[in-house]
Amino acid sequence: RAASLLHKAAALVKVAVLLYLRAVLLPLGIGVLLVGSIAPLLSFQDEQWISLLADNLTGALSLFWVTGIACILPVTSAALQLREILHPHVLAHYVRPKASHPDLLTAVLRDTCSTHVRRYVFTTCVYVGVLGATVVAPLHLARALAPRAFPVELRVWHAVPEIQAPLELTLLFLAVATLLERFKEPMGRAMSSYLRWSCGALGLTRWLLPHA
């Protein structure tokens, strides 16, 4: 009986740690990296960021988390659609399909800790790489090409920051999720058309696309 209790406790700790890593730490880390990368392009000074963290730590962490989630959701959606568009040997081993009725608890308990760690590291590298290539690098390139346009001055006004900031972050999260759900199919069709055209032009259709 003691062994059974220890096994259940270990399973509970495993699920809690993995949920924390996936749902809290990963979005928070992505948000911090993204905001920190584009901060030099904005008119906010280092002292202002430090003041934000000191005066409203919960609001700052919420800002980083929502920013990370707002970046993770489009990348995840695009990866799932690319898995369906490309040949199975391209992404099938790296991107798991989205099950209609997923049994997350069973999947978490079935896989080993080393498997979860490898997936977590791989997923983090993918998100960081995609955001660096599609957001950070273009912004810094634009700064190098048009230095007079930077830093961008952001004007914000909060009469009651404790109420307005959480409300704005909640609306941002809902807007991103709603837009992704609404434009998921058009985005998939656009990616499919582009890949078929580009693969045909480069002679890669037979290797990258399933229906040559």
N, C-alpha and C. Protein backbone atom coordinates (compact mmCIF):
# COMPACT_ATOMS: atom_id res chain seq x y z
N ARG A 1 0.83 -1.21 0.00
CA ARG A 1 0.00 0.00 0.00
C ARG A 1 0.87 1.26 0.00
N ALA A 2 1.95 1.23 0.77
CA ALA A 2 2.86 2.38 0.80
C ALA A 2 3.47 2.62 -0.56
N ALA A 3 3.84 1.51 -1.24
CA ALA A 3 4.42 1.64 -2.58
C ALA A 3 3.41 2.24 -3.55
N SER A 4 2.14 1.84 -3.42
CA SER A 4 1.10 2.40 -4.29
C SER A 4 0.91 3.89 -4.04
N LEU A 5 0.93 4.30 -2.79
CA LEU A 5 0.79 5.72 -2.46
C LEU A 5 1.98 6.52 -3.00
N LEU A 6 3.18 5.96 -2.87
CA LEU A 6 4.36 6.65 -3.40
C LEU A 6 4.28 6.78 -4.91
N HIS A 7 3.80 5.71 -5.56
CA HIS A 7 3.66 5.75 -7.02
C HIS A 7 2.66 6.82 -7.45
N LYS A 8 1.55 6.92 -6.75
CA LYS A 8 0.55 7.93 -7.08
C LYS A 8 1.07 9.34 -6.80
N ALA A 9 1.80 9.47 -5.70
CA ALA A 9 2.37 10.79 -5.38
C ALA A 9 3.39 11.21 -6.43
N ALA A 10 4.21 10.25 -6.86
CA ALA A 10 5.20 10.55 -7.90
C ALA A 10 4.52 10.94 -9.21
N ALA A 11 3.45 10.23 -9.54
CA ALA A 11 2.71 10.56 -10.77
C ALA A 11 2.09 11.95 -10.67
N LEU A 12 1.56 12.30 -9.49
CA LEU A 12 0.97 13.62 -9.29
C LEU A 12 2.02 14.72 -9.43
N VAL A 13 3.19 14.50 -8.84
CA VAL A 13 4.28 15.48 -8.94
C VAL A 13 4.73 15.62 -10.39
N LYS A 14 4.82 14.49 -11.10
CA LYS A 14 5.23 14.52 -12.49
C LYS A 14 4.27 15.35 -13.33
N VAL A 15 2.97 15.12 -13.17
CA VAL A 15 1.97 15.86 -13.92
C VAL A 15 2.02 17.34 -13.58
N ALA A 16 2.15 17.66 -12.29
CA ALA A 16 2.18 19.06 -11.88
C ALA A 16 3.40 19.79 -12.45
N VAL A 17 4.57 19.14 -12.40
CA VAL A 17 5.79 19.77 -12.92
C VAL A 17 5.69 19.98 -14.43
N LEU A 18 5.20 18.98 -15.16
CA LEU A 18 5.09 19.11 -16.61
C LEU A 18 4.07 20.18 -17.00
N LEU A 19 2.96 20.24 -16.30
CA LEU A 19 1.96 21.28 -16.58
C LEU A 19 2.54 22.66 -16.31
N TYR A 20 3.31 22.77 -15.23
CA TYR A 20 3.93 24.06 -14.92
C TYR A 20 4.93 24.46 -16.01
N LEU A 21 5.72 23.50 -16.46
CA LEU A 21 6.71 23.81 -17.50
C LEU A 21 6.03 24.22 -18.80
N ARG A 22 4.99 23.49 -19.17
CA ARG A 22 4.33 23.75 -20.45
C ARG A 22 3.43 24.97 -20.42
N ALA A 23 2.64 25.10 -19.37
CA ALA A 23 1.61 26.12 -19.34
C ALA A 23 2.06 27.43 -18.72
N VAL A 24 3.12 27.41 -17.92
CA VAL A 24 3.54 28.62 -17.22
C VAL A 24 4.95 29.03 -17.63
N LEU A 25 5.91 28.16 -17.40
CA LEU A 25 7.31 28.55 -17.59
C LEU A 25 7.66 28.78 -19.06
N LEU A 26 7.18 27.92 -19.95
CA LEU A 26 7.50 28.08 -21.37
C LEU A 26 6.93 29.38 -21.94
N PRO A 27 5.63 29.67 -21.78
CA PRO A 27 5.13 30.97 -22.28
C PRO A 27 5.81 32.15 -21.61
N LEU A 28 6.08 32.04 -20.32
CA LEU A 28 6.74 33.14 -19.61
C LEU A 28 8.14 33.37 -20.15
N GLY A 29 8.88 32.29 -20.37
CA GLY A 29 10.23 32.44 -20.91
C GLY A 29 10.24 33.00 -22.32
N ILE A 30 9.32 32.53 -23.17
CA ILE A 30 9.23 33.05 -24.53
C ILE A 30 8.87 34.54 -24.51
N GLY A 31 7.94 34.90 -23.63
CA GLY A 31 7.56 36.30 -23.53
C GLY A 31 8.70 37.19 -23.06
N VAL A 32 9.47 36.73 -22.09
CA VAL A 32 10.61 37.51 -21.60
C VAL A 32 11.65 37.68 -22.71
N LEU A 33 11.94 36.59 -23.43
CA LEU A 33 12.91 36.68 -24.52
C LEU A 33 12.44 37.64 -25.62
N LEU A 34 11.16 37.55 -25.96
CA LEU A 34 10.64 38.40 -27.03
C LEU A 34 10.63 39.88 -26.63
N VAL A 35 10.10 40.15 -25.44
CA VAL A 35 10.05 41.54 -24.98
C VAL A 35 11.46 42.08 -24.80
N GLY A 36 12.37 41.27 -24.26
CA GLY A 36 13.74 41.72 -24.09
C GLY A 36 14.45 41.96 -25.40
N SER A 37 14.07 41.20 -26.44
CA SER A 37 14.72 41.35 -27.75
C SER A 37 14.26 42.61 -28.47
N ILE A 38 12.99 42.95 -28.31
CA ILE A 38 12.47 44.11 -29.03
C ILE A 38 12.46 45.38 -28.17
N ALA A 39 12.81 45.25 -26.88
CA ALA A 39 12.83 46.42 -26.01
C ALA A 39 13.74 47.53 -26.51
N PRO A 40 14.94 47.22 -27.06
CA PRO A 40 15.79 48.31 -27.57
C PRO A 40 15.17 49.08 -28.73
N LEU A 41 14.16 48.50 -29.38
CA LEU A 41 13.51 49.19 -30.50
C LEU A 41 12.39 50.10 -30.04
N LEU A 42 12.05 50.04 -28.76
CA LEU A 42 10.97 50.85 -28.22
C LEU A 42 11.53 52.02 -27.43
N SER A 43 10.65 52.93 -27.11
CA SER A 43 11.09 54.14 -26.40
C SER A 43 11.20 53.93 -24.90
N PHE A 44 10.87 52.73 -24.41
CA PHE A 44 10.97 52.46 -22.99
C PHE A 44 12.43 52.31 -22.59
N GLN A 45 12.81 52.97 -21.52
CA GLN A 45 14.17 52.86 -20.99
C GLN A 45 14.26 51.71 -19.99
N ASP A 46 15.51 51.33 -19.71
CA ASP A 46 15.72 50.24 -18.75
C ASP A 46 15.11 50.56 -17.39
N GLU A 47 15.19 51.84 -17.00
CA GLU A 47 14.65 52.23 -15.71
C GLU A 47 13.14 52.02 -15.65
N GLN A 48 12.47 52.21 -16.78
CA GLN A 48 11.02 52.02 -16.82
C GLN A 48 10.64 50.56 -16.67
N TRP A 49 11.42 49.67 -17.31
CA TRP A 49 11.16 48.24 -17.15
C TRP A 49 11.39 47.81 -15.71
N ILE A 50 12.48 48.30 -15.11
CA ILE A 50 12.77 47.95 -13.72
C ILE A 50 11.67 48.48 -12.80
N SER A 51 11.19 49.68 -13.09
CA SER A 51 10.10 50.24 -12.29
C SER A 51 8.83 49.42 -12.43
N LEU A 52 8.55 48.95 -13.64
CA LEU A 52 7.37 48.11 -13.86
C LEU A 52 7.46 46.82 -13.05
N LEU A 53 8.63 46.19 -13.07
CA LEU A 53 8.81 44.95 -12.33
C LEU A 53 8.72 45.18 -10.83
N ALA A 54 9.25 46.32 -10.37
CA ALA A 54 9.25 46.60 -8.93
C ALA A 54 7.87 47.00 -8.43
N ASP A 55 7.16 47.79 -9.21
CA ASP A 55 5.87 48.31 -8.75
C ASP A 55 4.71 47.37 -9.01
N ASN A 56 4.80 46.58 -10.08
CA ASN A 56 3.67 45.72 -10.44
C ASN A 56 4.21 44.41 -11.02
N LEU A 57 4.76 43.60 -10.14
CA LEU A 57 5.37 42.35 -10.58
C LEU A 57 4.35 41.42 -11.22
N THR A 58 3.15 41.35 -10.64
CA THR A 58 2.10 40.49 -11.21
C THR A 58 1.72 40.95 -12.60
N GLY A 59 1.58 42.26 -12.79
CA GLY A 59 1.25 42.78 -14.11
C GLY A 59 2.35 42.52 -15.12
N ALA A 60 3.61 42.67 -14.70
CA ALA A 60 4.72 42.43 -15.61
C ALA A 60 4.78 40.96 -16.02
N LEU A 61 4.62 40.05 -15.05
CA LEU A 61 4.63 38.63 -15.37
C LEU A 61 3.45 38.26 -16.27
N SER A 62 2.30 38.89 -16.03
CA SER A 62 1.14 38.66 -16.89
C SER A 62 1.42 39.13 -18.32
N LEU A 63 2.09 40.28 -18.44
CA LEU A 63 2.46 40.79 -19.75
C LEU A 63 3.37 39.82 -20.49
N PHE A 64 4.38 39.31 -19.80
CA PHE A 64 5.31 38.36 -20.42
C PHE A 64 4.59 37.07 -20.80
N TRP A 65 3.71 36.58 -19.91
CA TRP A 65 3.02 35.31 -20.17
C TRP A 65 2.09 35.43 -21.37
N VAL A 66 1.28 36.50 -21.41
CA VAL A 66 0.35 36.68 -22.53
C VAL A 66 1.12 36.89 -23.83
N THR A 67 2.23 37.63 -23.78
CA THR A 67 3.05 37.81 -24.98
C THR A 67 3.58 36.48 -25.47
N GLY A 68 4.04 35.65 -24.54
CA GLY A 68 4.53 34.32 -24.93
C GLY A 68 3.44 33.46 -25.53
N ILE A 69 2.27 33.44 -24.89
CA ILE A 69 1.14 32.66 -25.41
C ILE A 69 0.71 33.16 -26.77
N ALA A 70 0.67 34.48 -26.94
CA ALA A 70 0.26 35.05 -28.22
C ALA A 70 1.23 34.69 -29.34
N CYS A 71 2.47 34.37 -29.01
CA CYS A 71 3.44 33.92 -30.01
C CYS A 71 3.42 32.41 -30.20
N ILE A 72 3.18 31.69 -29.11
CA ILE A 72 3.20 30.23 -29.17
C ILE A 72 2.01 29.69 -29.96
N LEU A 73 0.83 30.25 -29.76
CA LEU A 73 -0.37 29.73 -30.43
C LEU A 73 -0.27 29.74 -31.95
N PRO A 74 0.15 30.85 -32.60
CA PRO A 74 0.27 30.81 -34.06
C PRO A 74 1.31 29.83 -34.55
N VAL A 75 2.44 29.72 -33.83
CA VAL A 75 3.49 28.78 -34.24
C VAL A 75 2.98 27.35 -34.14
N THR A 76 2.28 27.05 -33.04
CA THR A 76 1.73 25.70 -32.88
C THR A 76 0.71 25.38 -33.96
N SER A 77 -0.18 26.34 -34.24
CA SER A 77 -1.19 26.13 -35.27
C SER A 77 -0.54 25.90 -36.64
N ALA A 78 0.48 26.70 -36.96
CA ALA A 78 1.16 26.54 -38.24
C ALA A 78 1.87 25.21 -38.33
N ALA A 79 2.50 24.77 -37.22
CA ALA A 79 3.21 23.49 -37.22
C ALA A 79 2.25 22.33 -37.44
N LEU A 80 1.08 22.37 -36.79
CA LEU A 80 0.10 21.30 -36.97
C LEU A 80 -0.42 21.25 -38.41
N GLN A 81 -0.60 22.41 -39.02
CA GLN A 81 -1.07 22.42 -40.40
C GLN A 81 0.02 21.98 -41.37
N LEU A 82 1.26 22.37 -41.10
CA LEU A 82 2.36 21.92 -41.95
C LEU A 82 2.53 20.40 -41.88
N ARG A 83 2.24 19.83 -40.71
CA ARG A 83 2.33 18.38 -40.58
C ARG A 83 1.35 17.68 -41.51
N GLU A 84 0.17 18.28 -41.70
CA GLU A 84 -0.82 17.69 -42.58
C GLU A 84 -0.53 17.96 -44.04
N ILE A 85 0.15 19.08 -44.34
CA ILE A 85 0.41 19.46 -45.73
C ILE A 85 1.61 18.72 -46.29
N LEU A 86 2.69 18.65 -45.51
CA LEU A 86 3.93 18.07 -46.01
C LEU A 86 3.88 16.54 -45.99
N HIS A 87 4.86 15.94 -46.64
CA HIS A 87 4.99 14.48 -46.65
C HIS A 87 5.17 13.99 -45.21
N PRO A 88 4.58 12.83 -44.87
CA PRO A 88 4.66 12.36 -43.47
C PRO A 88 6.07 12.23 -42.92
N HIS A 89 7.06 11.95 -43.77
CA HIS A 89 8.40 11.74 -43.24
C HIS A 89 9.08 13.05 -42.84
N VAL A 90 8.48 14.20 -43.15
CA VAL A 90 9.13 15.48 -42.87
C VAL A 90 8.93 15.90 -41.41
N LEU A 91 7.68 15.93 -40.95
CA LEU A 91 7.40 16.44 -39.60
C LEU A 91 6.69 15.44 -38.71
N ALA A 92 6.33 14.28 -39.23
CA ALA A 92 5.52 13.35 -38.44
C ALA A 92 6.23 12.90 -37.16
N HIS A 93 7.56 12.80 -37.21
CA HIS A 93 8.29 12.34 -36.03
C HIS A 93 8.55 13.46 -35.02
N TYR A 94 8.29 14.69 -35.40
CA TYR A 94 8.59 15.82 -34.53
C TYR A 94 7.33 16.53 -34.03
N VAL A 95 6.28 16.52 -34.83
CA VAL A 95 5.04 17.20 -34.45
C VAL A 95 3.95 16.15 -34.31
N ARG A 96 3.44 16.00 -33.11
CA ARG A 96 2.38 15.03 -32.89
C ARG A 96 1.04 15.58 -33.36
N PRO A 97 0.18 14.72 -33.93
CA PRO A 97 -1.11 15.22 -34.40
C PRO A 97 -1.99 15.64 -33.25
N LYS A 98 -2.91 16.54 -33.55
CA LYS A 98 -3.87 17.00 -32.54
C LYS A 98 -5.04 16.03 -32.49
N ALA A 99 -5.11 15.27 -31.40
CA ALA A 99 -6.17 14.28 -31.27
C ALA A 99 -7.50 14.95 -30.97
N SER A 100 -8.57 14.35 -31.49
CA SER A 100 -9.89 14.93 -31.26
C SER A 100 -10.34 14.76 -29.81
N HIS A 101 -9.94 13.65 -29.18
CA HIS A 101 -10.27 13.41 -27.78
C HIS A 101 -9.00 12.98 -27.05
N PRO A 102 -8.10 13.91 -26.79
CA PRO A 102 -6.82 13.53 -26.21
C PRO A 102 -6.95 13.13 -24.74
N ASP A 103 -6.29 12.06 -24.37
CA ASP A 103 -6.20 11.65 -22.97
C ASP A 103 -4.84 12.11 -22.47
N LEU A 104 -4.77 13.38 -22.08
CA LEU A 104 -3.49 14.00 -21.74
C LEU A 104 -2.86 13.34 -20.53
N LEU A 105 -3.65 12.99 -19.55
CA LEU A 105 -3.09 12.41 -18.33
C LEU A 105 -2.43 11.07 -18.62
N THR A 106 -3.08 10.23 -19.43
CA THR A 106 -2.49 8.94 -19.77
C THR A 106 -1.21 9.11 -20.57
N ALA A 107 -1.21 10.06 -21.50
CA ALA A 107 -0.01 10.31 -22.31
C ALA A 107 1.14 10.81 -21.46
N VAL A 108 0.85 11.69 -20.52
CA VAL A 108 1.89 12.24 -19.65
C VAL A 108 2.49 11.15 -18.78
N LEU A 109 1.64 10.30 -18.22
CA LEU A 109 2.13 9.25 -17.34
C LEU A 109 2.84 8.13 -18.10
N ARG A 110 2.45 7.91 -19.35
CA ARG A 110 3.04 6.82 -20.12
C ARG A 110 4.47 7.13 -20.53
N ASP A 111 4.74 8.34 -20.95
CA ASP A 111 6.07 8.71 -21.42
C ASP A 111 7.02 8.94 -20.26
N THR A 112 8.30 8.66 -20.50
CA THR A 112 9.31 8.82 -19.47
C THR A 112 9.68 10.29 -19.30
N CYS A 113 10.34 10.59 -18.19
CA CYS A 113 10.76 11.97 -17.92
C CYS A 113 11.77 12.44 -18.97
N SER A 114 12.67 11.55 -19.39
CA SER A 114 13.66 11.94 -20.39
C SER A 114 12.98 12.29 -21.72
N THR A 115 11.90 11.58 -22.07
CA THR A 115 11.15 11.89 -23.28
C THR A 115 10.51 13.26 -23.18
N HIS A 116 9.94 13.57 -22.03
CA HIS A 116 9.33 14.89 -21.85
C HIS A 116 10.38 15.99 -21.89
N VAL A 117 11.54 15.75 -21.32
CA VAL A 117 12.60 16.75 -21.34
C VAL A 117 13.06 17.02 -22.76
N ARG A 118 13.24 15.96 -23.55
CA ARG A 118 13.65 16.13 -24.94
C ARG A 118 12.60 16.92 -25.72
N ARG A 119 11.34 16.61 -25.52
CA ARG A 119 10.27 17.33 -26.21
C ARG A 119 10.24 18.80 -25.78
N TYR A 120 10.44 19.03 -24.49
CA TYR A 120 10.40 20.40 -23.99
C TYR A 120 11.54 21.23 -24.58
N VAL A 121 12.74 20.66 -24.60
CA VAL A 121 13.89 21.38 -25.15
C VAL A 121 13.71 21.61 -26.65
N PHE A 122 13.24 20.59 -27.36
CA PHE A 122 13.02 20.73 -28.80
C PHE A 122 11.97 21.78 -29.10
N THR A 123 10.86 21.74 -28.35
CA THR A 123 9.78 22.71 -28.56
C THR A 123 10.27 24.13 -28.28
N THR A 124 11.03 24.30 -27.20
CA THR A 124 11.55 25.63 -26.88
C THR A 124 12.46 26.14 -27.98
N CYS A 125 13.34 25.28 -28.50
CA CYS A 125 14.24 25.69 -29.57
C CYS A 125 13.46 26.08 -30.83
N VAL A 126 12.39 25.35 -31.13
CA VAL A 126 11.57 25.67 -32.30
C VAL A 126 10.92 27.04 -32.14
N TYR A 127 10.31 27.28 -30.98
CA TYR A 127 9.65 28.57 -30.75
C TYR A 127 10.65 29.71 -30.82
N VAL A 128 11.79 29.55 -30.17
CA VAL A 128 12.80 30.61 -30.17
C VAL A 128 13.32 30.86 -31.58
N GLY A 129 13.58 29.78 -32.32
CA GLY A 129 14.08 29.94 -33.69
C GLY A 129 13.08 30.62 -34.60
N VAL A 130 11.82 30.20 -34.52
CA VAL A 130 10.80 30.79 -35.38
C VAL A 130 10.58 32.26 -35.05
N LEU A 131 10.50 32.59 -33.76
CA LEU A 131 10.29 33.99 -33.37
C LEU A 131 11.51 34.85 -33.72
N GLY A 132 12.69 34.26 -33.58
CA GLY A 132 13.88 35.02 -33.97
C GLY A 132 13.92 35.32 -35.44
N ALA A 133 13.48 34.34 -36.26
CA ALA A 133 13.54 34.52 -37.71
C ALA A 133 12.40 35.37 -38.25
N THR A 134 11.24 35.34 -37.59
CA THR A 134 10.07 36.03 -38.14
C THR A 134 9.73 37.34 -37.44
N VAL A 135 10.25 37.55 -36.24
CA VAL A 135 9.90 38.78 -35.50
C VAL A 135 11.15 39.60 -35.17
N VAL A 136 12.07 39.00 -34.43
CA VAL A 136 13.21 39.75 -33.92
C VAL A 136 14.14 40.19 -35.04
N ALA A 137 14.54 39.24 -35.89
CA ALA A 137 15.48 39.58 -36.97
C ALA A 137 14.91 40.63 -37.93
N PRO A 138 13.66 40.50 -38.41
CA PRO A 138 13.13 41.56 -39.28
C PRO A 138 13.07 42.93 -38.62
N LEU A 139 12.73 42.98 -37.33
CA LEU A 139 12.67 44.26 -36.65
C LEU A 139 14.05 44.91 -36.54
N HIS A 140 15.07 44.11 -36.21
CA HIS A 140 16.41 44.67 -36.12
C HIS A 140 16.97 45.02 -37.50
N LEU A 141 16.56 44.27 -38.51
CA LEU A 141 16.96 44.64 -39.87
C LEU A 141 16.33 45.96 -40.28
N ALA A 142 15.05 46.13 -39.92
CA ALA A 142 14.40 47.41 -40.21
C ALA A 142 15.08 48.56 -39.48
N ARG A 143 15.53 48.30 -38.27
CA ARG A 143 16.25 49.34 -37.52
C ARG A 143 17.57 49.70 -38.20
N ALA A 144 18.24 48.67 -38.73
CA ALA A 144 19.51 48.95 -39.41
C ALA A 144 19.29 49.70 -40.72
N LEU A 145 18.19 49.41 -41.42
CA LEU A 145 17.92 50.07 -42.70
C LEU A 145 17.32 51.46 -42.52
N ALA A 146 16.55 51.63 -41.45
CA ALA A 146 15.90 52.93 -41.22
C ALA A 146 16.10 53.34 -39.77
N PRO A 147 17.31 53.72 -39.40
CA PRO A 147 17.59 54.02 -37.98
C PRO A 147 16.79 55.20 -37.44
N ARG A 148 16.39 56.11 -38.33
CA ARG A 148 15.65 57.28 -37.85
C ARG A 148 14.23 56.94 -37.38
N ALA A 149 13.74 55.79 -37.82
CA ALA A 149 12.38 55.39 -37.42
C ALA A 149 12.33 54.78 -36.03
N PHE A 150 13.52 54.55 -35.45
CA PHE A 150 13.57 53.92 -34.14
C PHE A 150 14.31 54.83 -33.16
N PRO A 151 14.00 54.72 -31.86
CA PRO A 151 13.02 53.81 -31.26
C PRO A 151 11.58 54.24 -31.51
N VAL A 152 10.70 53.26 -31.53
CA VAL A 152 9.27 53.53 -31.71
C VAL A 152 8.69 54.00 -30.38
N GLU A 153 8.03 55.12 -30.40
CA GLU A 153 7.46 55.68 -29.18
C GLU A 153 6.05 55.14 -28.97
N LEU A 154 5.88 54.46 -27.88
CA LEU A 154 4.57 53.90 -27.53
C LEU A 154 3.93 54.77 -26.45
N ARG A 155 2.74 55.21 -26.72
CA ARG A 155 2.00 56.02 -25.76
C ARG A 155 0.88 55.17 -25.13
N VAL A 156 0.99 54.99 -23.85
CA VAL A 156 -0.03 54.24 -23.11
C VAL A 156 -0.55 55.11 -21.98
N TRP A 157 -1.80 54.89 -21.65
CA TRP A 157 -2.42 55.65 -20.57
C TRP A 157 -3.31 54.72 -19.78
N HIS A 158 -3.02 54.60 -18.50
CA HIS A 158 -3.80 53.76 -17.61
C HIS A 158 -4.25 54.59 -16.42
N ALA A 159 -5.53 54.85 -16.35
CA ALA A 159 -6.07 55.57 -15.19
C ALA A 159 -6.07 54.66 -13.96
N VAL A 160 -6.44 53.40 -14.18
CA VAL A 160 -6.44 52.41 -13.09
C VAL A 160 -5.68 51.19 -13.61
N PRO A 161 -4.35 51.18 -13.50
CA PRO A 161 -3.56 50.08 -14.08
C PRO A 161 -3.95 48.71 -13.55
N GLU A 162 -4.35 48.64 -12.27
CA GLU A 162 -4.69 47.34 -11.69
C GLU A 162 -5.88 46.69 -12.38
N ILE A 163 -6.74 47.50 -13.01
CA ILE A 163 -7.92 46.97 -13.71
C ILE A 163 -7.69 46.95 -15.22
N GLN A 164 -7.14 48.03 -15.76
CA GLN A 164 -7.00 48.14 -17.21
C GLN A 164 -5.99 47.15 -17.77
N ALA A 165 -4.85 47.01 -17.11
CA ALA A 165 -3.81 46.13 -17.65
C ALA A 165 -4.27 44.67 -17.75
N PRO A 166 -4.82 44.06 -16.68
CA PRO A 166 -5.33 42.68 -16.83
C PRO A 166 -6.43 42.56 -17.87
N LEU A 167 -7.30 43.58 -17.96
CA LEU A 167 -8.37 43.53 -18.96
C LEU A 167 -7.80 43.57 -20.37
N GLU A 168 -6.83 44.43 -20.62
CA GLU A 168 -6.22 44.51 -21.94
C GLU A 168 -5.50 43.21 -22.30
N LEU A 169 -4.80 42.62 -21.35
CA LEU A 169 -4.09 41.37 -21.61
C LEU A 169 -5.08 40.24 -21.89
N THR A 170 -6.18 40.21 -21.14
CA THR A 170 -7.20 39.19 -21.39
C THR A 170 -7.81 39.34 -22.77
N LEU A 171 -8.11 40.57 -23.17
CA LEU A 171 -8.66 40.82 -24.50
C LEU A 171 -7.67 40.44 -25.59
N LEU A 172 -6.38 40.71 -25.35
CA LEU A 172 -5.36 40.33 -26.33
C LEU A 172 -5.31 38.81 -26.51
N PHE A 173 -5.33 38.09 -25.40
CA PHE A 173 -5.30 36.63 -25.47
C PHE A 173 -6.53 36.10 -26.21
N LEU A 174 -7.71 36.62 -25.87
CA LEU A 174 -8.94 36.16 -26.53
C LEU A 174 -8.94 36.52 -28.01
N ALA A 175 -8.40 37.69 -28.34
CA ALA A 175 -8.37 38.10 -29.74
C ALA A 175 -7.47 37.19 -30.56
N VAL A 176 -6.29 36.85 -30.03
CA VAL A 176 -5.37 35.96 -30.74
C VAL A 176 -6.00 34.59 -30.94
N ALA A 177 -6.59 34.04 -29.87
CA ALA A 177 -7.22 32.72 -29.97
C ALA A 177 -8.38 32.73 -30.96
N THR A 178 -9.19 33.78 -30.94
CA THR A 178 -10.34 33.86 -31.85
C THR A 178 -9.89 34.00 -33.30
N LEU A 179 -8.90 34.84 -33.56
CA LEU A 179 -8.41 35.03 -34.92
C LEU A 179 -7.80 33.75 -35.47
N LEU A 180 -7.07 33.04 -34.63
CA LEU A 180 -6.47 31.77 -35.09
C LEU A 180 -7.54 30.75 -35.45
N GLU A 181 -8.56 30.66 -34.61
CA GLU A 181 -9.64 29.70 -34.88
C GLU A 181 -10.41 30.08 -36.14
N ARG A 182 -10.63 31.37 -36.35
CA ARG A 182 -11.42 31.82 -37.49
C ARG A 182 -10.65 31.68 -38.80
N PHE A 183 -9.36 31.97 -38.77
CA PHE A 183 -8.57 31.99 -40.00
C PHE A 183 -7.67 30.76 -40.13
N LYS A 184 -7.96 29.71 -39.36
CA LYS A 184 -7.13 28.51 -39.42
C LYS A 184 -7.20 27.86 -40.79
N GLU A 185 -8.39 27.69 -41.33
CA GLU A 185 -8.51 27.04 -42.63
C GLU A 185 -7.95 27.91 -43.76
N PRO A 186 -8.27 29.22 -43.83
CA PRO A 186 -7.63 30.04 -44.88
C PRO A 186 -6.11 30.05 -44.78
N MET A 187 -5.57 30.05 -43.56
CA MET A 187 -4.12 30.02 -43.40
C MET A 187 -3.55 28.70 -43.91
N GLY A 188 -4.27 27.60 -43.64
CA GLY A 188 -3.81 26.31 -44.14
C GLY A 188 -3.84 26.24 -45.66
N ARG A 189 -4.89 26.78 -46.27
CA ARG A 189 -4.96 26.78 -47.73
C ARG A 189 -3.86 27.64 -48.33
N ALA A 190 -3.58 28.78 -47.69
CA ALA A 190 -2.52 29.66 -48.20
C ALA A 190 -1.15 28.97 -48.11
N MET A 191 -0.88 28.31 -46.98
CA MET A 191 0.40 27.60 -46.85
C MET A 191 0.50 26.47 -47.85
N SER A 192 -0.60 25.74 -48.06
CA SER A 192 -0.59 24.64 -49.02
C SER A 192 -0.32 25.14 -50.44
N SER A 193 -0.98 26.23 -50.82
CA SER A 193 -0.77 26.78 -52.17
C SER A 193 0.66 27.26 -52.35
N TYR A 194 1.19 27.94 -51.33
CA TYR A 194 2.56 28.45 -51.43
C TYR A 194 3.56 27.30 -51.52
N LEU A 195 3.37 26.27 -50.69
CA LEU A 195 4.32 25.16 -50.70
C LEU A 195 4.26 24.39 -52.01
N ARG A 196 3.07 24.22 -52.56
CA ARG A 196 2.97 23.52 -53.84
C ARG A 196 3.64 24.32 -54.95
N TRP A 197 3.46 25.63 -54.92
CA TRP A 197 4.11 26.46 -55.93
C TRP A 197 5.63 26.46 -55.75
N SER A 198 6.10 26.69 -54.52
CA SER A 198 7.54 26.79 -54.30
C SER A 198 8.23 25.45 -54.50
N CYS A 199 7.62 24.37 -54.05
CA CYS A 199 8.22 23.05 -54.25
C CYS A 199 8.25 22.68 -55.73
N GLY A 200 7.19 23.06 -56.47
CA GLY A 200 7.19 22.82 -57.91
C GLY A 200 8.27 23.61 -58.62
N ALA A 201 8.47 24.86 -58.19
CA ALA A 201 9.49 25.69 -58.83
C ALA A 201 10.89 25.20 -58.52
N LEU A 202 11.10 24.61 -57.34
CA LEU A 202 12.43 24.15 -56.95
C LEU A 202 12.65 22.67 -57.21
N GLY A 203 11.63 21.99 -57.72
CA GLY A 203 11.78 20.56 -58.00
C GLY A 203 11.80 19.69 -56.75
N LEU A 204 11.12 20.12 -55.70
CA LEU A 204 11.13 19.38 -54.43
C LEU A 204 9.80 18.70 -54.12
N THR A 205 8.88 18.71 -55.10
CA THR A 205 7.54 18.20 -54.83
C THR A 205 7.55 16.74 -54.41
N ARG A 206 8.30 15.91 -55.07
CA ARG A 206 8.28 14.47 -54.79
C ARG A 206 8.86 14.14 -53.43
N TRP A 207 9.68 15.03 -52.84
CA TRP A 207 10.29 14.77 -51.55
C TRP A 207 9.53 15.43 -50.39
N LEU A 208 8.86 16.52 -50.64
CA LEU A 208 8.25 17.28 -49.55
C LEU A 208 6.74 17.18 -49.50
N LEU A 209 6.09 16.91 -50.64
CA LEU A 209 4.64 16.88 -50.66
C LEU A 209 4.13 15.46 -50.85
N PRO A 210 3.03 15.10 -50.20
CA PRO A 210 2.57 13.71 -50.25
C PRO A 210 1.91 13.31 -51.55
N HIS A 211 1.26 14.26 -52.24
CA HIS A 211 0.54 13.94 -53.47
C HIS A 211 1.21 14.60 -54.65
N ALA A 212 2.23 13.98 -55.15
CA ALA A 212 2.98 14.54 -56.29
C ALA A 212 2.25 14.26 -57.58
